[in-house]
PDB file of all heavy atoms in Angstrom:
ATOM      1  N   ARG A   1     -34.625 112.965 -77.916  1.00  0.00           N
ATOM      2  CA  ARG A   1     -34.209 113.223 -76.531  1.00  0.00           C
ATOM      3  C   ARG A   1     -34.067 111.897 -75.802  1.00  0.00           C
ATOM      4  O   ARG A   1     -34.984 111.068 -75.803  1.00  0.00           O
ATOM      5  CB  ARG A   1     -35.238 114.102 -75.812  1.00  0.00           C
ATOM      6  CG  ARG A   1     -35.272 115.530 -76.315  1.00  0.00           C
ATOM      7  CD  ARG A   1     -36.332 116.351 -75.626  1.00  0.00           C
ATOM      8  NE  ARG A   1     -36.359 116.155 -74.168  1.00  0.00           N
ATOM      9  CZ  ARG A   1     -37.117 116.886 -73.338  1.00  0.00           C
ATOM     10  NH1 ARG A   1     -37.903 117.828 -73.837  1.00  0.00           N
ATOM     11  NH2 ARG A   1     -37.079 116.655 -72.058  1.00  0.00           N
ATOM     12  N   ASP A   2     -32.907 111.694 -75.154  1.00  0.00           N
ATOM     13  CA  ASP A   2     -32.685 110.418 -74.488  1.00  0.00           C
ATOM     14  C   ASP A   2     -33.419 110.303 -73.153  1.00  0.00           C
ATOM     15  O   ASP A   2     -33.396 109.246 -72.522  1.00  0.00           O
ATOM     16  CB  ASP A   2     -31.187 110.158 -74.294  1.00  0.00           C
ATOM     17  CG  ASP A   2     -30.481 111.268 -73.524  1.00  0.00           C
ATOM     18  OD1 ASP A   2     -31.164 112.118 -72.934  1.00  0.00           O
ATOM     19  OD2 ASP A   2     -29.235 111.277 -73.533  1.00  0.00           O
ATOM     20  N   ASP A   3     -34.094 111.388 -72.726  1.00  0.00           N
ATOM     21  CA  ASP A   3     -34.884 111.297 -71.493  1.00  0.00           C
ATOM     22  C   ASP A   3     -36.356 111.010 -71.782  1.00  0.00           C
ATOM     23  O   ASP A   3     -37.174 110.959 -70.852  1.00  0.00           O
ATOM     24  CB  ASP A   3     -34.755 112.587 -70.677  1.00  0.00           C
ATOM     25  CG  ASP A   3     -35.253 113.827 -71.415  1.00  0.00           C
ATOM     26  OD1 ASP A   3     -35.304 113.777 -72.671  1.00  0.00           O
ATOM     27  OD2 ASP A   3     -35.568 114.827 -70.758  1.00  0.00           O
ATOM     28  N   VAL A   4     -36.704 110.829 -73.060  1.00  0.00           N
ATOM     29  CA  VAL A   4     -38.080 110.504 -73.441  1.00  0.00           C
ATOM     30  C   VAL A   4     -38.039 109.251 -74.313  1.00  0.00           C
ATOM     31  O   VAL A   4     -37.825 109.334 -75.521  1.00  0.00           O
ATOM     32  CB  VAL A   4     -38.755 111.665 -74.198  1.00  0.00           C
ATOM     33  CG1 VAL A   4     -40.201 111.311 -74.528  1.00  0.00           C
ATOM     34  CG2 VAL A   4     -38.695 112.958 -73.392  1.00  0.00           C
ATOM     35  N   PRO A   5     -38.211 108.070 -73.725  1.00  0.00           N
ATOM     36  CA  PRO A   5     -38.133 106.831 -74.503  1.00  0.00           C
ATOM     37  C   PRO A   5     -39.288 106.675 -75.483  1.00  0.00           C
ATOM     38  O   PRO A   5     -40.372 107.244 -75.297  1.00  0.00           O
ATOM     39  CB  PRO A   5     -38.155 105.734 -73.433  1.00  0.00           C
ATOM     40  CG  PRO A   5     -38.801 106.362 -72.252  1.00  0.00           C
ATOM     41  CD  PRO A   5     -38.450 107.814 -72.289  1.00  0.00           C
ATOM     42  N   VAL A   6     -39.046 105.892 -76.524  1.00  0.00           N
ATOM     43  CA  VAL A   6     -40.060 105.585 -77.527  1.00  0.00           C
ATOM     44  C   VAL A   6     -40.154 104.065 -77.658  1.00  0.00           C
ATOM     45  O   VAL A   6     -39.138 103.358 -77.635  1.00  0.00           O
ATOM     46  CB  VAL A   6     -39.694 106.206 -78.896  1.00  0.00           C
ATOM     47  CG1 VAL A   6     -40.655 105.728 -79.985  1.00  0.00           C
ATOM     48  CG2 VAL A   6     -39.716 107.734 -78.808  1.00  0.00           C
ATOM     49  N   ASP A   7     -41.387 103.566 -77.752  1.00  0.00           N
ATOM     50  CA  ASP A   7     -41.621 102.140 -77.975  1.00  0.00           C
ATOM     51  C   ASP A   7     -41.747 101.898 -79.481  1.00  0.00           C
ATOM     52  O   ASP A   7     -42.677 102.395 -80.127  1.00  0.00           O
ATOM     53  CB  ASP A   7     -42.897 101.680 -77.264  1.00  0.00           C
ATOM     54  CG  ASP A   7     -42.820 101.876 -75.752  1.00  0.00           C
ATOM     55  OD1 ASP A   7     -41.749 101.598 -75.181  1.00  0.00           O
ATOM     56  OD2 ASP A   7     -43.822 102.327 -75.157  1.00  0.00           O
ATOM     57  N   PHE A   8     -40.809 101.150 -80.040  1.00  0.00           N
ATOM     58  CA  PHE A   8     -40.803 100.833 -81.461  1.00  0.00           C
ATOM     59  C   PHE A   8     -41.313  99.407 -81.674  1.00  0.00           C
ATOM     60  O   PHE A   8     -41.055  98.512 -80.858  1.00  0.00           O
ATOM     61  CB  PHE A   8     -39.383 100.924 -82.035  1.00  0.00           C
ATOM     62  CG  PHE A   8     -38.814 102.318 -82.069  1.00  0.00           C
ATOM     63  CD1 PHE A   8     -38.074 102.811 -80.999  1.00  0.00           C
ATOM     64  CD2 PHE A   8     -39.000 103.140 -83.171  1.00  0.00           C
ATOM     65  CE1 PHE A   8     -37.531 104.080 -81.027  1.00  0.00           C
ATOM     66  CE2 PHE A   8     -38.466 104.417 -83.212  1.00  0.00           C
ATOM     67  CZ  PHE A   8     -37.727 104.895 -82.141  1.00  0.00           C
ATOM     68  N   ALA A   9     -42.001  99.191 -82.779  1.00  0.00           N
ATOM     69  CA  ALA A   9     -42.449  97.848 -83.137  1.00  0.00           C
ATOM     70  C   ALA A   9     -42.439  97.690 -84.649  1.00  0.00           C
ATOM     71  O   ALA A   9     -42.752  98.629 -85.391  1.00  0.00           O
ATOM     72  CB  ALA A   9     -43.846  97.570 -82.590  1.00  0.00           C
ATOM     73  N   ILE A  10     -42.063  96.496 -85.090  1.00  0.00           N
ATOM     74  CA  ILE A  10     -42.093  96.141 -86.516  1.00  0.00           C
ATOM     75  C   ILE A  10     -42.933  94.880 -86.649  1.00  0.00           C
ATOM     76  O   ILE A  10     -42.637  93.861 -86.016  1.00  0.00           O
ATOM     77  CB  ILE A  10     -40.678  95.894 -87.061  1.00  0.00           C
ATOM     78  CG1 ILE A  10     -39.802  97.145 -86.908  1.00  0.00           C
ATOM     79  CG2 ILE A  10     -40.737  95.466 -88.531  1.00  0.00           C
ATOM     80  CD1 ILE A  10     -38.358  96.931 -87.304  1.00  0.00           C
ATOM     81  N   THR A  11     -43.990  94.960 -87.437  1.00  0.00           N
ATOM     82  CA  THR A  11     -44.853  93.806 -87.660  1.00  0.00           C
ATOM     83  C   THR A  11     -45.019  93.569 -89.160  1.00  0.00           C
ATOM     84  O   THR A  11     -44.873  94.491 -89.968  1.00  0.00           O
ATOM     85  CB  THR A  11     -46.240  93.991 -87.018  1.00  0.00           C
ATOM     86  OG1 THR A  11     -46.880  95.130 -87.611  1.00  0.00           O
ATOM     87  CG2 THR A  11     -46.126  94.208 -85.517  1.00  0.00           C
ATOM     88  N   VAL A  12     -45.322  92.331 -89.487  1.00  0.00           N
ATOM     89  CA  VAL A  12     -45.577  91.945 -90.877  1.00  0.00           C
ATOM     90  C   VAL A  12     -46.918  91.236 -90.927  1.00  0.00           C
ATOM     91  O   VAL A  12     -47.206  90.365 -90.099  1.00  0.00           O
ATOM     92  CB  VAL A  12     -44.464  91.018 -91.410  1.00  0.00           C
ATOM     93  CG1 VAL A  12     -44.849  90.459 -92.782  1.00  0.00           C
ATOM     94  CG2 VAL A  12     -43.140  91.771 -91.506  1.00  0.00           C
ATOM     95  N   ARG A  13     -47.741  91.619 -91.879  1.00  0.00           N
ATOM     96  CA  ARG A  13     -49.059  90.992 -92.021  1.00  0.00           C
ATOM     97  C   ARG A  13     -49.210  90.486 -93.446  1.00  0.00           C
ATOM     98  O   ARG A  13     -49.107  91.244 -94.411  1.00  0.00           O
ATOM     99  CB  ARG A  13     -50.179  91.987 -91.702  1.00  0.00           C
ATOM    100  CG  ARG A  13     -51.570  91.342 -91.727  1.00  0.00           C
ATOM    101  CD  ARG A  13     -52.682  92.326 -91.371  1.00  0.00           C
ATOM    102  NE  ARG A  13     -52.790  93.390 -92.340  1.00  0.00           N
ATOM    103  CZ  ARG A  13     -52.569  94.671 -92.056  1.00  0.00           C
ATOM    104  NH1 ARG A  13     -52.226  95.025 -90.840  1.00  0.00           N
ATOM    105  NH2 ARG A  13     -52.687  95.590 -92.995  1.00  0.00           N
ATOM    106  N   ARG A  14     -49.425  89.170 -93.553  1.00  0.00           N
ATOM    107  CA  ARG A  14     -49.740  88.613 -94.862  1.00  0.00           C
ATOM    108  C   ARG A  14     -51.092  89.131 -95.317  1.00  0.00           C
ATOM    109  O   ARG A  14     -51.971  89.409 -94.482  1.00  0.00           O
ATOM    110  CB  ARG A  14     -49.759  87.090 -94.792  1.00  0.00           C
ATOM    111  CG  ARG A  14     -48.393  86.437 -94.616  1.00  0.00           C
ATOM    112  CD  ARG A  14     -48.516  84.926 -94.697  1.00  0.00           C
ATOM    113  NE  ARG A  14     -47.210  84.272 -94.802  1.00  0.00           N
ATOM    114  CZ  ARG A  14     -46.557  83.740 -93.760  1.00  0.00           C
ATOM    115  NH1 ARG A  14     -47.094  83.796 -92.544  1.00  0.00           N
ATOM    116  NH2 ARG A  14     -45.390  83.162 -93.946  1.00  0.00           N
ATOM    117  N   LEU A  15     -51.274  89.293 -96.615  1.00  0.00           N
ATOM    118  CA  LEU A  15     -52.540  89.802 -97.116  1.00  0.00           C
ATOM    119  C   LEU A  15     -53.663  88.859 -96.708  1.00  0.00           C
ATOM    120  O   LEU A  15     -53.648  87.663 -97.030  1.00  0.00           O
ATOM    121  CB  LEU A  15     -52.481  89.948 -98.642  1.00  0.00           C
ATOM    122  CG  LEU A  15     -51.401  90.903 -99.176  1.00  0.00           C
ATOM    123  CD1 LEU A  15     -51.493  91.005-100.691  1.00  0.00           C
ATOM    124  CD2 LEU A  15     -51.526  92.274 -98.541  1.00  0.00           C
ATOM    125  N   GLY A  16     -54.629  89.415 -95.984  1.00  0.00           N
ATOM    126  CA  GLY A  16     -55.743  88.616 -95.502  1.00  0.00           C
ATOM    127  C   GLY A  16     -55.407  87.779 -94.286  1.00  0.00           C
ATOM    128  O   GLY A  16     -56.239  86.960 -93.840  1.00  0.00           O
ATOM    129  N   GLY A  17     -54.204  87.950 -93.714  1.00  0.00           N
ATOM    130  CA  GLY A  17     -53.800  87.130 -92.569  1.00  0.00           C
ATOM    131  C   GLY A  17     -53.565  87.962 -91.328  1.00  0.00           C
ATOM    132  O   GLY A  17     -53.821  89.169 -91.291  1.00  0.00           O
ATOM    133  N   ASP A  18     -53.104  87.306 -90.278  1.00  0.00           N
ATOM    134  CA  ASP A  18     -52.821  87.970 -89.013  1.00  0.00           C
ATOM    135  C   ASP A  18     -51.438  88.630 -89.050  1.00  0.00           C
ATOM    136  O   ASP A  18     -50.545  88.214 -89.802  1.00  0.00           O
ATOM    137  CB  ASP A  18     -52.873  86.961 -87.854  1.00  0.00           C
ATOM    138  CG  ASP A  18     -54.269  86.371 -87.674  1.00  0.00           C
ATOM    139  OD1 ASP A  18     -55.242  87.083 -87.998  1.00  0.00           O
ATOM    140  OD2 ASP A  18     -54.372  85.209 -87.217  1.00  0.00           O
ATOM    141  N   ALA A  19     -51.273  89.621 -88.185  1.00  0.00           N
ATOM    142  CA  ALA A  19     -49.993  90.311 -88.080  1.00  0.00           C
ATOM    143  C   ALA A  19     -49.032  89.509 -87.206  1.00  0.00           C
ATOM    144  O   ALA A  19     -49.432  88.922 -86.202  1.00  0.00           O
ATOM    145  CB  ALA A  19     -50.184  91.709 -87.508  1.00  0.00           C
ATOM    146  N   VAL A  20     -47.757  89.498 -87.615  1.00  0.00           N
ATOM    147  CA  VAL A  20     -46.698  88.836 -86.854  1.00  0.00           C
ATOM    148  C   VAL A  20     -45.718  89.910 -86.398  1.00  0.00           C
ATOM    149  O   VAL A  20     -45.138  90.627 -87.226  1.00  0.00           O
ATOM    150  CB  VAL A  20     -45.963  87.783 -87.712  1.00  0.00           C
ATOM    151  CG1 VAL A  20     -44.855  87.119 -86.895  1.00  0.00           C
ATOM    152  CG2 VAL A  20     -46.931  86.745 -88.248  1.00  0.00           C
ATOM    153  N   THR A  21     -45.563  90.044 -85.080  1.00  0.00           N
ATOM    154  CA  THR A  21     -44.641  91.048 -84.545  1.00  0.00           C
ATOM    155  C   THR A  21     -43.229  90.483 -84.547  1.00  0.00           C
ATOM    156  O   THR A  21     -42.960  89.440 -83.947  1.00  0.00           O
ATOM    157  CB  THR A  21     -45.043  91.450 -83.123  1.00  0.00           C
ATOM    158  OG1 THR A  21     -46.363  92.007 -83.145  1.00  0.00           O
ATOM    159  CG2 THR A  21     -44.078  92.491 -82.572  1.00  0.00           C
ATOM    160  N   LEU A  22     -42.315  91.180 -85.219  1.00  0.00           N
ATOM    161  CA  LEU A  22     -40.943  90.709 -85.355  1.00  0.00           C
ATOM    162  C   LEU A  22     -39.969  91.478 -84.476  1.00  0.00           C
ATOM    163  O   LEU A  22     -38.855  91.014 -84.230  1.00  0.00           O
ATOM    164  CB  LEU A  22     -40.498  90.810 -86.812  1.00  0.00           C
ATOM    165  CG  LEU A  22     -41.339  90.016 -87.818  1.00  0.00           C
ATOM    166  CD1 LEU A  22     -40.811  90.232 -89.226  1.00  0.00           C
ATOM    167  CD2 LEU A  22     -41.334  88.531 -87.476  1.00  0.00           C
ATOM    168  N   LEU A  23     -40.362  92.653 -84.018  1.00  0.00           N
ATOM    169  CA  LEU A  23     -39.498  93.419 -83.117  1.00  0.00           C
ATOM    170  C   LEU A  23     -40.339  94.318 -82.245  1.00  0.00           C
ATOM    171  O   LEU A  23     -41.268  94.990 -82.735  1.00  0.00           O
ATOM    172  CB  LEU A  23     -38.497  94.254 -83.922  1.00  0.00           C
ATOM    173  CG  LEU A  23     -37.504  95.122 -83.116  1.00  0.00           C
ATOM    174  CD1 LEU A  23     -36.131  95.128 -83.781  1.00  0.00           C
ATOM    175  CD2 LEU A  23     -38.007  96.549 -82.943  1.00  0.00           C
ATOM    176  N   GLU A  24     -40.061  94.331 -80.966  1.00  0.00           N
ATOM    177  CA  GLU A  24     -40.637  95.275 -80.005  1.00  0.00           C
ATOM    178  C   GLU A  24     -39.504  95.745 -79.105  1.00  0.00           C
ATOM    179  O   GLU A  24     -38.797  94.919 -78.515  1.00  0.00           O
ATOM    180  CB  GLU A  24     -41.727  94.614 -79.161  1.00  0.00           C
ATOM    181  CG  GLU A  24     -43.037  94.372 -79.872  1.00  0.00           C
ATOM    182  CD  GLU A  24     -44.097  93.784 -78.952  1.00  0.00           C
ATOM    183  OE1 GLU A  24     -43.840  92.713 -78.370  1.00  0.00           O
ATOM    184  OE2 GLU A  24     -45.159  94.413 -78.807  1.00  0.00           O
ATOM    185  N   GLU A  25     -39.321  97.045 -79.023  1.00  0.00           N
ATOM    186  CA  GLU A  25     -38.211  97.551 -78.230  1.00  0.00           C
ATOM    187  C   GLU A  25     -38.493  98.971 -77.755  1.00  0.00           C
ATOM    188  O   GLU A  25     -38.962  99.813 -78.522  1.00  0.00           O
ATOM    189  CB  GLU A  25     -36.917  97.519 -79.045  1.00  0.00           C
ATOM    190  CG  GLU A  25     -35.704  98.002 -78.281  1.00  0.00           C
ATOM    191  CD  GLU A  25     -34.407  97.786 -79.034  1.00  0.00           C
ATOM    192  OE1 GLU A  25     -34.405  96.997 -80.007  1.00  0.00           O
ATOM    193  OE2 GLU A  25     -33.396  98.419 -78.671  1.00  0.00           O
ATOM    194  N   THR A  26     -38.185  99.210 -76.491  1.00  0.00           N
ATOM    195  CA  THR A  26     -38.227 100.564 -75.932  1.00  0.00           C
ATOM    196  C   THR A  26     -36.813 101.123 -75.985  1.00  0.00           C
ATOM    197  O   THR A  26     -35.871 100.514 -75.470  1.00  0.00           O
ATOM    198  CB  THR A  26     -38.738 100.556 -74.488  1.00  0.00           C
ATOM    199  OG1 THR A  26     -40.062 100.016 -74.457  1.00  0.00           O
ATOM    200  CG2 THR A  26     -38.760 101.971 -73.920  1.00  0.00           C
ATOM    201  N   TYR A  27     -36.672 102.297 -76.622  1.00  0.00           N
ATOM    202  CA  TYR A  27     -35.336 102.827 -76.825  1.00  0.00           C
ATOM    203  C   TYR A  27     -35.262 104.288 -76.393  1.00  0.00           C
ATOM    204  O   TYR A  27     -36.188 105.070 -76.641  1.00  0.00           O
ATOM    205  CB  TYR A  27     -34.924 102.711 -78.301  1.00  0.00           C
ATOM    206  CG  TYR A  27     -33.485 103.108 -78.526  1.00  0.00           C
ATOM    207  CD1 TYR A  27     -32.441 102.312 -78.058  1.00  0.00           C
ATOM    208  CD2 TYR A  27     -33.163 104.305 -79.168  1.00  0.00           C
ATOM    209  CE1 TYR A  27     -31.115 102.689 -78.237  1.00  0.00           C
ATOM    210  CE2 TYR A  27     -31.840 104.686 -79.350  1.00  0.00           C
ATOM    211  CZ  TYR A  27     -30.820 103.874 -78.885  1.00  0.00           C
ATOM    212  OH  TYR A  27     -29.517 104.255 -79.047  1.00  0.00           O
ATOM    213  N   SER A  28     -34.107 104.648 -75.763  1.00  0.00           N
ATOM    214  CA  SER A  28     -33.918 106.034 -75.322  1.00  0.00           C
ATOM    215  C   SER A  28     -32.453 106.440 -75.370  1.00  0.00           C
ATOM    216  O   SER A  28     -32.023 107.306 -74.624  1.00  0.00           O
ATOM    217  CB  SER A  28     -34.450 106.211 -73.892  1.00  0.00           C
ATOM    218  OG  SER A  28     -33.749 105.343 -72.993  1.00  0.00           O
ATOM    219  N   GLY A  29     -31.665 105.818 -76.231  1.00  0.00           N
ATOM    220  CA  GLY A  29     -30.242 106.123 -76.299  1.00  0.00           C
ATOM    221  C   GLY A  29     -29.936 107.420 -77.008  1.00  0.00           C
ATOM    222  O   GLY A  29     -30.765 107.970 -77.738  1.00  0.00           O
ATOM    223  N   SER A  30     -28.716 107.905 -76.825  1.00  0.00           N
ATOM    224  CA  SER A  30     -28.309 109.165 -77.462  1.00  0.00           C
ATOM    225  C   SER A  30     -27.930 108.957 -78.928  1.00  0.00           C
ATOM    226  O   SER A  30     -27.974 109.898 -79.717  1.00  0.00           O
ATOM    227  CB  SER A  30     -27.128 109.776 -76.706  1.00  0.00           C
ATOM    228  OG  SER A  30     -26.052 108.851 -76.622  1.00  0.00           O
ATOM    229  N   ASP A  31     -27.534 107.745 -79.299  1.00  0.00           N
ATOM    230  CA  ASP A  31     -27.273 107.406 -80.691  1.00  0.00           C
ATOM    231  C   ASP A  31     -28.398 106.501 -81.178  1.00  0.00           C
ATOM    232  O   ASP A  31     -29.306 106.173 -80.426  1.00  0.00           O
ATOM    233  CB  ASP A  31     -25.927 106.690 -80.831  1.00  0.00           C
ATOM    234  CG  ASP A  31     -24.762 107.585 -80.427  1.00  0.00           C
ATOM    235  OD1 ASP A  31     -24.799 108.778 -80.778  1.00  0.00           O
ATOM    236  OD2 ASP A  31     -23.847 107.087 -79.765  1.00  0.00           O
ATOM    237  N   TRP A  32     -28.346 106.092 -82.443  1.00  0.00           N
ATOM    238  CA  TRP A  32     -29.368 105.157 -82.895  1.00  0.00           C
ATOM    239  C   TRP A  32     -28.904 103.719 -82.660  1.00  0.00           C
ATOM    240  O   TRP A  32     -27.715 103.425 -82.584  1.00  0.00           O
ATOM    241  CB  TRP A  32     -29.722 105.394 -84.363  1.00  0.00           C
ATOM    242  CG  TRP A  32     -28.621 105.205 -85.351  1.00  0.00           C
ATOM    243  CD1 TRP A  32     -28.060 104.030 -85.747  1.00  0.00           C
ATOM    244  CD2 TRP A  32     -27.950 106.226 -86.089  1.00  0.00           C
ATOM    245  NE1 TRP A  32     -27.097 104.238 -86.679  1.00  0.00           N
ATOM    246  CE2 TRP A  32     -27.000 105.578 -86.923  1.00  0.00           C
ATOM    247  CE3 TRP A  32     -28.070 107.610 -86.158  1.00  0.00           C
ATOM    248  CZ2 TRP A  32     -26.167 106.279 -87.787  1.00  0.00           C
ATOM    249  CZ3 TRP A  32     -27.235 108.300 -87.025  1.00  0.00           C
ATOM    250  CH2 TRP A  32     -26.307 107.646 -87.811  1.00  0.00           C
TER     251      TRP A  32
END
């Protein structure tokens, strides 16, 4: 539903290491 936004995030964590956030985006469009 384009009237209910979703916060998306993509992170990568090296084994035994800290997480690195590579994408953060709030999206509510009718297409992808």
